[in-house]
């Protein structure tokens, strides 16, 4: 597996984790407050991974 494929796989996992955490946040208001920072940071990580993938794909 190439580095680019690993990055894409990592992004898929981040996106999946975000989906799960958003579902939990919708079901539980008390947990939503606690999950807010985690979701934010995972979104940022996803954006950074996406940028890396774009850079690597254009080489």
PDB file of N, CA and C in Angstrom:
ATOM      1  N   UNK A   1       0.849  -1.176   0.000  1.00  0.00           N
ATOM      2  CA  UNK A   1       0.000   0.000   0.000  1.00  0.00           C
ATOM      3  C   UNK A   1       0.895   1.240   0.000  1.00  0.00           C
ATOM      4  N   UNK A   2       0.574   2.197  -0.830  1.00  0.00           N
ATOM      5  CA  UNK A   2       1.383   3.415  -0.921  1.00  0.00           C
ATOM      6  C   UNK A   2       1.033   4.383   0.216  1.00  0.00           C
ATOM      7  N   UNK A   3       1.901   5.374   0.404  1.00  0.00           N
ATOM      8  CA  UNK A   3       1.642   6.384   1.431  1.00  0.00           C
ATOM      9  C   UNK A   3       0.338   7.115   1.160  1.00  0.00           C
ATOM     10  N   UNK A   4       0.079   7.409  -0.113  1.00  0.00           N
ATOM     11  CA  UNK A   4      -1.150   8.105  -0.486  1.00  0.00           C
ATOM     12  C   UNK A   4      -2.377   7.266  -0.118  1.00  0.00           C
ATOM     13  N   UNK A   5      -2.296   5.977  -0.354  1.00  0.00           N
ATOM     14  CA  UNK A   5      -3.411   5.096   0.006  1.00  0.00           C
ATOM     15  C   UNK A   5      -3.620   5.054   1.520  1.00  0.00           C
ATOM     16  N   UNK A   6      -2.525   5.064   2.278  1.00  0.00           N
ATOM     17  CA  UNK A   6      -2.644   5.107   3.737  1.00  0.00           C
ATOM     18  C   UNK A   6      -3.294   6.410   4.193  1.00  0.00           C
ATOM     19  N   UNK A   7      -2.909   7.522   3.581  1.00  0.00           N
ATOM     20  CA  UNK A   7      -3.510   8.809   3.935  1.00  0.00           C
ATOM     21  C   UNK A   7      -5.008   8.808   3.639  1.00  0.00           C
ATOM     22  N   UNK A   8      -5.381   8.255   2.497  1.00  0.00           N
ATOM     23  CA  UNK A   8      -6.805   8.179   2.140  1.00  0.00           C
ATOM     24  C   UNK A   8      -7.567   7.292   3.116  1.00  0.00           C
ATOM     25  N   UNK A   9      -6.954   6.196   3.512  1.00  0.00           N
ATOM     26  CA  UNK A   9      -7.589   5.308   4.487  1.00  0.00           C
ATOM     27  C   UNK A   9      -7.762   6.019   5.830  1.00  0.00           C
ATOM     28  N   UNK A  10      -6.737   6.754   6.244  1.00  0.00           N
ATOM     29  CA  UNK A  10      -6.823   7.506   7.498  1.00  0.00           C
ATOM     30  C   UNK A  10      -7.954   8.529   7.434  1.00  0.00           C
ATOM     31  N   UNK A  11      -8.081   9.212   6.302  1.00  0.00           N
ATOM     32  CA  UNK A  11      -9.158  10.186   6.134  1.00  0.00           C
ATOM     33  C   UNK A  11     -10.520   9.500   6.209  1.00  0.00           C
ATOM     34  N   UNK A  12     -10.635   8.337   5.616  1.00  0.00           N
ATOM     35  CA  UNK A  12     -11.893   7.582   5.700  1.00  0.00           C
ATOM     36  C   UNK A  12     -12.246   7.268   7.154  1.00  0.00           C
ATOM     37  N   UNK A  13     -11.241   6.899   7.938  1.00  0.00           N
ATOM     38  CA  UNK A  13     -11.479   6.579   9.350  1.00  0.00           C
ATOM     39  C   UNK A  13     -11.882   7.827  10.135  1.00  0.00           C
ATOM     40  N   UNK A  14     -11.248   8.941   9.850  1.00  0.00           N
ATOM     41  CA  UNK A  14     -11.609  10.199  10.518  1.00  0.00           C
ATOM     42  C   UNK A  14     -13.055  10.559  10.180  1.00  0.00           C
ATOM     43  N   UNK A  15     -13.415  10.460   8.903  1.00  0.00           N
ATOM     44  CA  UNK A  15     -14.789  10.766   8.486  1.00  0.00           C
ATOM     45  C   UNK A  15     -15.793   9.839   9.167  1.00  0.00           C
ATOM     46  N   UNK A  16     -15.438   8.572   9.267  1.00  0.00           N
ATOM     47  CA  UNK A  16     -16.322   7.601   9.922  1.00  0.00           C
ATOM     48  C   UNK A  16     -16.482   7.936  11.410  1.00  0.00           C
ATOM     49  N   UNK A  17     -15.377   8.271  12.064  1.00  0.00           N
ATOM     50  CA  UNK A  17     -15.429   8.644  13.480  1.00  0.00           C
ATOM     51  C   UNK A  17     -16.303   9.885  13.673  1.00  0.00           C
ATOM     52  N   UNK A  18     -16.173  10.850  12.771  1.00  0.00           N
ATOM     53  CA  UNK A  18     -17.006  12.049  12.856  1.00  0.00           C
ATOM     54  C   UNK A  18     -18.486  11.706  12.730  1.00  0.00           C
ATOM     55  N   UNK A  19     -18.814  10.838  11.800  1.00  0.00           N
ATOM     56  CA  UNK A  19     -20.213  10.426  11.628  1.00  0.00           C
ATOM     57  C   UNK A  19     -20.760   9.810  12.912  1.00  0.00           C
ATOM     58  N   UNK A  20     -19.980   8.935  13.513  1.00  0.00           N
ATOM     59  CA  UNK A  20     -20.418   8.267  14.744  1.00  0.00           C
ATOM     60  C   UNK A  20     -20.593   9.274  15.878  1.00  0.00           C
ATOM     61  N   UNK A  21     -19.613  10.144  16.054  1.00  0.00           N
ATOM     62  CA  UNK A  21     -19.683  11.114  17.151  1.00  0.00           C
ATOM     63  C   UNK A  21     -20.829  12.099  16.964  1.00  0.00           C
ATOM     64  N   UNK A  22     -21.116  12.476  15.733  1.00  0.00           N
ATOM     65  CA  UNK A  22     -22.262  13.368  15.477  1.00  0.00           C
ATOM     66  C   UNK A  22     -23.578  12.668  15.815  1.00  0.00           C
ATOM     67  N   UNK A  23     -23.670  11.382  15.526  1.00  0.00           N
ATOM     68  CA  UNK A  23     -24.876  10.623  15.886  1.00  0.00           C
ATOM     69  C   UNK A  23     -25.050  10.597  17.403  1.00  0.00           C
ATOM     70  N   UNK A  24     -23.959  10.359  18.111  1.00  0.00           N
ATOM     71  CA  UNK A  24     -24.016  10.343  19.574  1.00  0.00           C
ATOM     72  C   UNK A  24     -24.434  11.716  20.090  1.00  0.00           C
ATOM     73  N   UNK A  25     -23.855  12.767  19.524  1.00  0.00           N
ATOM     74  CA  UNK A  25     -24.167  14.129  19.962  1.00  0.00           C
ATOM     75  C   UNK A  25     -25.641  14.466  19.723  1.00  0.00           C
ATOM     76  N   UNK A  26     -26.204  13.977  18.625  1.00  0.00           N
ATOM     77  CA  UNK A  26     -27.628  14.228  18.352  1.00  0.00           C
ATOM     78  C   UNK A  26     -28.531  13.507  19.351  1.00  0.00           C
ATOM     79  N   UNK A  27     -28.094  12.363  19.819  1.00  0.00           N
ATOM     80  CA  UNK A  27     -28.916  11.570  20.744  1.00  0.00           C
ATOM     81  C   UNK A  27     -28.792  12.039  22.197  1.00  0.00           C
ATOM     82  N   UNK A  28     -27.656  12.630  22.536  1.00  0.00           N
ATOM     83  CA  UNK A  28     -27.419  13.009  23.926  1.00  0.00           C
ATOM     84  C   UNK A  28     -26.904  14.440  24.009  1.00  0.00           C
ATOM     85  N   UNK A  29     -27.746  15.333  24.515  1.00  0.00           N
ATOM     86  CA  UNK A  29     -27.362  16.741  24.640  1.00  0.00           C
ATOM     87  C   UNK A  29     -26.192  16.903  25.615  1.00  0.00           C
ATOM     88  N   UNK A  30     -26.194  16.135  26.691  1.00  0.00           N
ATOM     89  CA  UNK A  30     -25.103  16.269  27.659  1.00  0.00           C
ATOM     90  C   UNK A  30     -23.778  15.820  27.051  1.00  0.00           C
ATOM     91  N   UNK A  31     -23.814  14.765  26.261  1.00  0.00           N
ATOM     92  CA  UNK A  31     -22.580  14.313  25.609  1.00  0.00           C
ATOM     93  C   UNK A  31     -22.178  15.259  24.484  1.00  0.00           C
ATOM     94  N   UNK A  32     -23.145  15.905  23.860  1.00  0.00           N
ATOM     95  CA  UNK A  32     -22.853  16.815  22.750  1.00  0.00           C
ATOM     96  C   UNK A  32     -21.894  17.910  23.192  1.00  0.00           C
ATOM     97  N   UNK A  33     -22.118  18.436  24.381  1.00  0.00           N
ATOM     98  CA  UNK A  33     -21.230  19.484  24.884  1.00  0.00           C
ATOM     99  C   UNK A  33     -19.804  18.969  25.049  1.00  0.00           C
ATOM    100  N   UNK A  34     -19.670  17.764  25.548  1.00  0.00           N
ATOM    101  CA  UNK A  34     -18.340  17.174  25.735  1.00  0.00           C
ATOM    102  C   UNK A  34     -17.683  16.812  24.410  1.00  0.00           C
ATOM    103  N   UNK A  35     -18.493  16.402  23.439  1.00  0.00           N
ATOM    104  CA  UNK A  35     -17.954  15.964  22.145  1.00  0.00           C
ATOM    105  C   UNK A  35     -17.607  17.118  21.213  1.00  0.00           C
ATOM    106  N   UNK A  36     -18.095  18.302  21.517  1.00  0.00           N
ATOM    107  CA  UNK A  36     -17.899  19.451  20.625  1.00  0.00           C
ATOM    108  C   UNK A  36     -16.433  19.673  20.267  1.00  0.00           C
ATOM    109  N   UNK A  37     -15.554  19.689  21.255  1.00  0.00           N
ATOM    110  CA  UNK A  37     -14.123  19.908  20.991  1.00  0.00           C
ATOM    111  C   UNK A  37     -13.512  18.755  20.206  1.00  0.00           C
ATOM    112  N   UNK A  38     -13.895  17.549  20.533  1.00  0.00           N
ATOM    113  CA  UNK A  38     -13.363  16.381  19.821  1.00  0.00           C
ATOM    114  C   UNK A  38     -13.765  16.433  18.357  1.00  0.00           C
ATOM    115  N   UNK A  39     -15.026  16.739  18.107  1.00  0.00           N
ATOM    116  CA  UNK A  39     -15.514  16.833  16.729  1.00  0.00           C
ATOM    117  C   UNK A  39     -14.769  17.926  15.980  1.00  0.00           C
ATOM    118  N   UNK A  40     -14.591  19.069  16.625  1.00  0.00           N
ATOM    119  CA  UNK A  40     -13.865  20.174  15.990  1.00  0.00           C
ATOM    120  C   UNK A  40     -12.454  19.744  15.584  1.00  0.00           C
ATOM    121  N   UNK A  41     -11.744  19.112  16.488  1.00  0.00           N
ATOM    122  CA  UNK A  41     -10.361  18.725  16.203  1.00  0.00           C
ATOM    123  C   UNK A  41     -10.283  17.619  15.147  1.00  0.00           C
ATOM    124  N   UNK A  42     -11.232  16.718  15.154  1.00  0.00           N
ATOM    125  CA  UNK A  42     -11.261  15.698  14.102  1.00  0.00           C
ATOM    126  C   UNK A  42     -11.550  16.328  12.742  1.00  0.00           C
ATOM    127  N   UNK A  43     -12.425  17.329  12.716  1.00  0.00           N
ATOM    128  CA  UNK A  43     -12.683  18.045  11.457  1.00  0.00           C
ATOM    129  C   UNK A  43     -11.409  18.717  10.954  1.00  0.00           C
ATOM    130  N   UNK A  44     -10.676  19.333  11.859  1.00  0.00           N
ATOM    131  CA  UNK A  44      -9.407  19.973  11.490  1.00  0.00           C
ATOM    132  C   UNK A  44      -8.412  18.936  10.971  1.00  0.00           C
ATOM    133  N   UNK A  45      -8.334  17.803  11.648  1.00  0.00           N
ATOM    134  CA  UNK A  45      -7.433  16.732  11.202  1.00  0.00           C
ATOM    135  C   UNK A  45      -7.838  16.238   9.819  1.00  0.00           C
ATOM    136  N   UNK A  46      -9.130  16.104   9.589  1.00  0.00           N
ATOM    137  CA  UNK A  46      -9.615  15.690   8.277  1.00  0.00           C
ATOM    138  C   UNK A  46      -9.242  16.684   7.195  1.00  0.00           C
ATOM    139  N   UNK A  47      -9.369  17.968   7.502  1.00  0.00           N
ATOM    140  CA  UNK A  47      -8.988  19.007   6.535  1.00  0.00           C
ATOM    141  C   UNK A  47      -7.498  18.938   6.210  1.00  0.00           C
ATOM    142  N   UNK A  48      -6.680  18.732   7.229  1.00  0.00           N
ATOM    143  CA  UNK A  48      -5.231  18.634   7.011  1.00  0.00           C
ATOM    144  C   UNK A  48      -4.879  17.399   6.189  1.00  0.00           C
ATOM    145  N   UNK A  49      -5.506  16.287   6.492  1.00  0.00           N
ATOM    146  CA  UNK A  49      -5.278  15.071   5.703  1.00  0.00           C
ATOM    147  C   UNK A  49      -5.704  15.277   4.256  1.00  0.00           C
ATOM    148  N   UNK A  50      -6.847  15.916   4.065  1.00  0.00           N
ATOM    149  CA  UNK A  50      -7.333  16.185   2.712  1.00  0.00           C
ATOM    150  C   UNK A  50      -6.338  17.049   1.939  1.00  0.00           C
ATOM    151  N   UNK A  51      -5.766  18.045   2.600  1.00  0.00           N
ATOM    152  CA  UNK A  51      -4.750  18.896   1.963  1.00  0.00           C
ATOM    153  C   UNK A  51      -3.510  18.091   1.589  1.00  0.00           C
ATOM    154  N   UNK A  52      -3.083  17.225   2.491  1.00  0.00           N
ATOM    155  CA  UNK A  52      -1.917  16.381   2.209  1.00  0.00           C
ATOM    156  C   UNK A  52      -2.185  15.466   1.023  1.00  0.00           C
ATOM    157  N   UNK A  53      -3.374  14.891   0.984  1.00  0.00           N
ATOM    158  CA  UNK A  53      -3.744  13.997  -0.114  1.00  0.00           C
ATOM    159  C   UNK A  53      -3.742  14.754  -1.431  1.00  0.00           C
ATOM    160  N   UNK A  54      -4.284  15.955  -1.420  1.00  0.00           N
ATOM    161  CA  UNK A  54      -4.303  16.772  -2.641  1.00  0.00           C
ATOM    162  C   UNK A  54      -2.890  17.084  -3.118  1.00  0.00           C
ATOM    163  N   UNK A  55      -2.022  17.455  -2.173  1.00  0.00           N
ATOM    164  CA  UNK A  55      -0.627  17.764  -2.536  1.00  0.00           C
ATOM    165  C   UNK A  55       0.074  16.537  -3.102  1.00  0.00           C
ATOM    166  N   UNK A  56      -0.104  15.396  -2.437  1.00  0.00           N
ATOM    167  CA  UNK A  56       0.558  14.168  -2.885  1.00  0.00           C
ATOM    168  C   UNK A  56       0.007  13.688  -4.225  1.00  0.00           C
ATOM    169  N   UNK A  57      -1.280  13.895  -4.449  1.00  0.00           N
ATOM    170  CA  UNK A  57      -1.906  13.461  -5.703  1.00  0.00           C
ATOM    171  C   UNK A  57      -1.430  14.275  -6.892  1.00  0.00           C
ATOM    172  N   UNK A  58      -1.049  15.520  -6.630  1.00  0.00           N
ATOM    173  CA  UNK A  58      -0.649  16.404  -7.734  1.00  0.00           C
ATOM    174  C   UNK A  58       0.828  16.282  -8.087  1.00  0.00           C
ATOM    175  N   UNK A  59       1.560  15.444  -7.377  1.00  0.00           N
ATOM    176  CA  UNK A  59       2.998  15.270  -7.670  1.00  0.00           C
ATOM    177  C   UNK A  59       3.198  14.423  -8.900  1.00  0.00           C
TER     178      UNK A  59
END
